[in-house]
Amino acid sequence: MRRIRQERIAEQIKKELGRLIQTELKDPRVGFVTVTDVEVTPDLLEARVFVSVLGDDSTREAALEALRRAHGFLRSELARRIEVRHVPELDFRYDSSLDYGMRIDRILRDLRQADPGSGRDAATGPEAAGERTDAGAGAAERFPDGREGAGGEASP
């Protein structure tokens, strides 16, 4: 039961902070900030607020500093908007998962471009999954060590 309340409060904080940052915070350094997640401690005294920031490292650091400076204002506004006895202390952190996802996407895109002649997606084609690519039982099959065999059963 306690975990459910913890998650509900985290979700309320996430939603309200997102609104506050976009509509009430007048600091230009937080122009492209998105609240991606909120984790509340079991005692509900602290909340880790994960944010993504569109821009480079200096933009990210400036936005985090602006959020930390607006900490008091944001907590007082949260107190008016959510039903809790004590609004948790807010700890703003950069969410690097989006950077990681973009890095993985870039790697996959590079893999696809590395094999343009195949007409297949090099990262997700049947060869990548270990599936057979021949269409029929009589088709010749090439093994990883370079041997060729008849379709159907693999020969040792």
C-alpha atoms as a PDB file:
ATOM      1  CA  MET A   1       0.000   0.000   0.000  1.00  0.00           C
ATOM      2  CA  ARG A   2       2.816   2.389   0.895  1.00  0.00           C
ATOM      3  CA  ARG A   3       4.523   1.805  -2.464  1.00  0.00           C
ATOM      4  CA  ILE A   4       1.324   2.688  -4.319  1.00  0.00           C
ATOM      5  CA  ARG A   5       1.071   6.001  -2.468  1.00  0.00           C
ATOM      6  CA  GLN A   6       4.737   6.688  -3.158  1.00  0.00           C
ATOM      7  CA  GLU A   7       4.213   6.136  -6.896  1.00  0.00           C
ATOM      8  CA  ARG A   8       1.037   8.230  -6.940  1.00  0.00           C
ATOM      9  CA  ILE A   9       2.779  11.161  -5.273  1.00  0.00           C
ATOM     10  CA  ALA A  10       5.768  10.825  -7.618  1.00  0.00           C
ATOM     11  CA  GLU A  11       3.429  10.943 -10.611  1.00  0.00           C
ATOM     12  CA  GLN A  12       1.608  14.015  -9.242  1.00  0.00           C
ATOM     13  CA  ILE A  13       4.916  15.791  -8.640  1.00  0.00           C
ATOM     14  CA  LYS A  14       6.090  14.922 -12.151  1.00  0.00           C
ATOM     15  CA  LYS A  15       2.918  16.266 -13.756  1.00  0.00           C
ATOM     16  CA  GLU A  16       2.751  19.451 -11.686  1.00  0.00           C
ATOM     17  CA  LEU A  17       6.468  20.235 -11.968  1.00  0.00           C
ATOM     18  CA  GLY A  18       6.216  19.859 -15.730  1.00  0.00           C
ATOM     19  CA  ARG A  19       3.391  22.382 -15.803  1.00  0.00           C
ATOM     20  CA  LEU A  20       5.139  24.752 -13.406  1.00  0.00           C
ATOM     21  CA  ILE A  21       8.412  24.718 -15.316  1.00  0.00           C
ATOM     22  CA  GLN A  22       6.684  25.384 -18.634  1.00  0.00           C
ATOM     23  CA  THR A  23       4.172  27.997 -17.496  1.00  0.00           C
ATOM     24  CA  GLU A  24       5.256  29.631 -14.236  1.00  0.00           C
ATOM     25  CA  LEU A  25       9.048  29.637 -14.239  1.00  0.00           C
ATOM     26  CA  LYS A  26      10.253  32.777 -15.997  1.00  0.00           C
ATOM     27  CA  ASP A  27      13.969  31.932 -16.097  1.00  0.00           C
ATOM     28  CA  PRO A  28      15.090  31.763 -19.758  1.00  0.00           C
ATOM     29  CA  ARG A  29      17.642  29.045 -18.919  1.00  0.00           C
ATOM     30  CA  VAL A  30      14.857  26.479 -18.481  1.00  0.00           C
ATOM     31  CA  GLY A  31      13.322  26.942 -21.918  1.00  0.00           C
ATOM     32  CA  PHE A  32      13.640  23.365 -23.173  1.00  0.00           C
ATOM     33  CA  VAL A  33      13.403  21.305 -19.986  1.00  0.00           C
ATOM     34  CA  THR A  34      11.204  18.223 -19.691  1.00  0.00           C
ATOM     35  CA  VAL A  35      10.553  16.324 -16.468  1.00  0.00           C
ATOM     36  CA  THR A  36      11.100  12.677 -17.434  1.00  0.00           C
ATOM     37  CA  ASP A  37      10.757  10.912 -14.078  1.00  0.00           C
ATOM     38  CA  VAL A  38      10.375  11.470 -10.345  1.00  0.00           C
ATOM     39  CA  GLU A  39      11.482   9.020  -7.660  1.00  0.00           C
ATOM     40  CA  VAL A  40      10.209   9.627  -4.131  1.00  0.00           C
ATOM     41  CA  THR A  41      11.886   8.077  -1.087  1.00  0.00           C
ATOM     42  CA  PRO A  42       9.722   5.740   1.042  1.00  0.00           C
ATOM     43  CA  ASP A  43       9.470   8.366   3.811  1.00  0.00           C
ATOM     44  CA  LEU A  44       8.267  10.931   1.203  1.00  0.00           C
ATOM     45  CA  LEU A  45      10.825  13.480   2.390  1.00  0.00           C
ATOM     46  CA  GLU A  46      12.937  13.606  -0.772  1.00  0.00           C
ATOM     47  CA  ALA A  47      12.199  13.444  -4.477  1.00  0.00           C
ATOM     48  CA  ARG A  48      14.754  12.920  -7.223  1.00  0.00           C
ATOM     49  CA  VAL A  49      13.512  14.814 -10.258  1.00  0.00           C
ATOM     50  CA  PHE A  50      15.021  13.656 -13.548  1.00  0.00           C
ATOM     51  CA  VAL A  51      14.964  16.177 -16.375  1.00  0.00           C
ATOM     52  CA  SER A  52      16.056  16.207 -19.990  1.00  0.00           C
ATOM     53  CA  VAL A  53      17.385  19.386 -21.526  1.00  0.00           C
ATOM     54  CA  LEU A  54      17.537  20.175 -25.224  1.00  0.00           C
ATOM     55  CA  GLY A  55      20.962  21.618 -25.967  1.00  0.00           C
ATOM     56  CA  ASP A  56      24.637  21.154 -25.234  1.00  0.00           C
ATOM     57  CA  ASP A  57      26.422  20.568 -21.919  1.00  0.00           C
ATOM     58  CA  SER A  58      26.556  24.255 -20.988  1.00  0.00           C
ATOM     59  CA  THR A  59      22.816  24.624 -21.653  1.00  0.00           C
ATOM     60  CA  ARG A  60      22.157  21.555 -19.509  1.00  0.00           C
ATOM     61  CA  GLU A  61      24.244  22.859 -16.608  1.00  0.00           C
ATOM     62  CA  ALA A  62      22.598  26.298 -16.814  1.00  0.00           C
ATOM     63  CA  ALA A  63      19.124  24.739 -16.786  1.00  0.00           C
ATOM     64  CA  LEU A  64      19.948  22.527 -13.791  1.00  0.00           C
ATOM     65  CA  GLU A  65      21.351  25.521 -11.909  1.00  0.00           C
ATOM     66  CA  ALA A  66      18.193  27.532 -12.677  1.00  0.00           C
ATOM     67  CA  LEU A  67      15.999  24.679 -11.413  1.00  0.00           C
ATOM     68  CA  ARG A  68      18.042  24.377  -8.234  1.00  0.00           C
ATOM     69  CA  ARG A  69      17.733  28.120  -7.629  1.00  0.00           C
ATOM     70  CA  ALA A  70      13.965  27.940  -8.180  1.00  0.00           C
ATOM     71  CA  HIS A  71      13.726  25.062  -5.679  1.00  0.00           C
ATOM     72  CA  GLY A  72      11.863  27.091  -3.025  1.00  0.00           C
ATOM     73  CA  PHE A  73       9.390  28.574  -5.479  1.00  0.00           C
ATOM     74  CA  LEU A  74       8.677  25.174  -7.028  1.00  0.00           C
ATOM     75  CA  ARG A  75       8.140  23.518  -3.631  1.00  0.00           C
ATOM     76  CA  SER A  76       5.766  26.253  -2.475  1.00  0.00           C
ATOM     77  CA  GLU A  77       3.758  25.966  -5.698  1.00  0.00           C
ATOM     78  CA  LEU A  78       3.678  22.177  -5.373  1.00  0.00           C
ATOM     79  CA  ALA A  79       2.314  22.573  -1.837  1.00  0.00           C
ATOM     80  CA  ARG A  80      -0.660  24.449  -3.287  1.00  0.00           C
ATOM     81  CA  ARG A  81      -1.295  21.921  -6.041  1.00  0.00           C
ATOM     82  CA  ILE A  82      -0.856  18.475  -4.488  1.00  0.00           C
ATOM     83  CA  GLU A  83      -2.404  16.978  -1.369  1.00  0.00           C
ATOM     84  CA  VAL A  84       0.509  16.062   0.906  1.00  0.00           C
ATOM     85  CA  ARG A  85       1.350  16.978   4.451  1.00  0.00           C
ATOM     86  CA  HIS A  86       4.966  17.732   3.579  1.00  0.00           C
ATOM     87  CA  VAL A  87       6.267  18.516   0.068  1.00  0.00           C
ATOM     88  CA  PRO A  88       9.462  16.516  -0.520  1.00  0.00           C
ATOM     89  CA  GLU A  89      12.826  18.203  -0.969  1.00  0.00           C
ATOM     90  CA  LEU A  90      13.529  18.367  -4.698  1.00  0.00           C
ATOM     91  CA  ASP A  91      16.831  17.068  -6.055  1.00  0.00           C
ATOM     92  CA  PHE A  92      17.146  17.882  -9.769  1.00  0.00           C
ATOM     93  CA  ARG A  93      19.247  15.498 -11.844  1.00  0.00           C
ATOM     94  CA  TYR A  94      19.976  15.228 -15.531  1.00  0.00           C
ATOM     95  CA  ASP A  95      18.376  12.191 -17.187  1.00  0.00           C
ATOM     96  CA  SER A  96      21.061  10.745 -19.449  1.00  0.00           C
ATOM     97  CA  SER A  97      18.845   7.925 -20.749  1.00  0.00           C
ATOM     98  CA  LEU A  98      17.798  10.022 -23.757  1.00  0.00           C
ATOM     99  CA  ASP A  99      21.452  10.618 -24.666  1.00  0.00           C
ATOM    100  CA  TYR A 100      22.077   6.896 -24.345  1.00  0.00           C
ATOM    101  CA  GLY A 101      19.089   6.113 -26.561  1.00  0.00           C
ATOM    102  CA  MET A 102      20.255   8.592 -29.208  1.00  0.00           C
ATOM    103  CA  ARG A 103      23.731   7.018 -29.094  1.00  0.00           C
ATOM    104  CA  ILE A 104      22.260   3.538 -29.651  1.00  0.00           C
ATOM    105  CA  ASP A 105      20.126   4.893 -32.496  1.00  0.00           C
ATOM    106  CA  ARG A 106      23.206   6.461 -34.114  1.00  0.00           C
ATOM    107  CA  ILE A 107      25.106   3.144 -33.846  1.00  0.00           C
ATOM    108  CA  LEU A 108      22.216   1.249 -35.454  1.00  0.00           C
ATOM    109  CA  ARG A 109      21.965   3.840 -38.230  1.00  0.00           C
ATOM    110  CA  ASP A 110      25.722   3.515 -38.880  1.00  0.00           C
ATOM    111  CA  LEU A 111      25.362  -0.276 -39.069  1.00  0.00           C
ATOM    112  CA  ARG A 112      22.563   0.075 -41.612  1.00  0.00           C
ATOM    113  CA  GLN A 113      24.679   2.434 -43.729  1.00  0.00           C
ATOM    114  CA  ALA A 114      27.695   0.105 -43.530  1.00  0.00           C
ATOM    115  CA  ASP A 115      25.872  -2.528 -45.607  1.00  0.00           C
ATOM    116  CA  PRO A 116      23.929  -0.495 -48.209  1.00  0.00           C
ATOM    117  CA  GLY A 117      24.122  -3.110 -51.013  1.00  0.00           C
ATOM    118  CA  SER A 118      22.185  -5.790 -49.208  1.00  0.00           C
ATOM    119  CA  GLY A 119      18.882  -3.959 -49.341  1.00  0.00           C
ATOM    120  CA  ARG A 120      18.241  -5.237 -45.833  1.00  0.00           C
ATOM    121  CA  ASP A 121      18.543  -3.615 -42.467  1.00  0.00           C
ATOM    122  CA  ALA A 122      21.968  -4.891 -41.327  1.00  0.00           C
ATOM    123  CA  ALA A 123      21.088  -4.637 -37.653  1.00  0.00           C
ATOM    124  CA  THR A 124      17.703  -6.349 -37.766  1.00  0.00           C
ATOM    125  CA  GLY A 125      17.772  -8.553 -40.867  1.00  0.00           C
ATOM    126  CA  PRO A 126      17.279 -12.302 -40.616  1.00  0.00           C
ATOM    127  CA  GLU A 127      21.041 -12.878 -40.647  1.00  0.00           C
ATOM    128  CA  ALA A 128      21.403 -10.808 -37.469  1.00  0.00           C
ATOM    129  CA  ALA A 129      18.821 -12.965 -35.721  1.00  0.00           C
ATOM    130  CA  GLY A 130      20.432 -16.201 -36.907  1.00  0.00           C
ATOM    131  CA  GLU A 131      17.523 -17.095 -39.180  1.00  0.00           C
ATOM    132  CA  ARG A 132      17.873 -18.867 -42.510  1.00  0.00           C
ATOM    133  CA  THR A 133      17.593 -16.590 -45.492  1.00  0.00           C
ATOM    134  CA  ASP A 134      17.071 -19.119 -48.296  1.00  0.00           C
ATOM    135  CA  ALA A 135      13.587 -19.265 -49.731  1.00  0.00           C
ATOM    136  CA  GLY A 136      13.278 -22.955 -50.565  1.00  0.00           C
ATOM    137  CA  ALA A 137      14.529 -26.397 -49.660  1.00  0.00           C
ATOM    138  CA  GLY A 138      16.752 -26.721 -52.741  1.00  0.00           C
ATOM    139  CA  ALA A 139      18.624 -23.449 -52.296  1.00  0.00           C
ATOM    140  CA  ALA A 140      22.336 -23.509 -51.523  1.00  0.00           C
ATOM    141  CA  GLU A 141      23.273 -22.466 -48.024  1.00  0.00           C
ATOM    142  CA  ARG A 142      26.500 -20.780 -46.941  1.00  0.00           C
ATOM    143  CA  PHE A 143      27.742 -21.573 -43.462  1.00  0.00           C
ATOM    144  CA  PRO A 144      29.621 -19.052 -41.276  1.00  0.00           C
ATOM    145  CA  ASP A 145      32.943 -20.843 -41.963  1.00  0.00           C
ATOM    146  CA  GLY A 146      32.450 -20.399 -45.724  1.00  0.00           C
ATOM    147  CA  ARG A 147      31.263 -23.932 -46.620  1.00  0.00           C
ATOM    148  CA  GLU A 148      28.290 -24.364 -48.885  1.00  0.00           C
ATOM    149  CA  GLY A 149      25.673 -27.035 -48.421  1.00  0.00           C
ATOM    150  CA  ALA A 150      22.342 -28.093 -49.830  1.00  0.00           C
ATOM    151  CA  GLY A 151      19.194 -26.568 -48.448  1.00  0.00           C
ATOM    152  CA  GLY A 152      17.220 -28.420 -45.831  1.00  0.00           C
ATOM    153  CA  GLU A 153      19.422 -30.038 -43.229  1.00  0.00           C
ATOM    154  CA  ALA A 154      22.792 -28.585 -42.336  1.00  0.00           C
ATOM    155  CA  SER A 155      25.738 -30.863 -43.033  1.00  0.00           C
ATOM    156  CA  PRO A 156      28.614 -31.041 -40.517  1.00  0.00           C
END
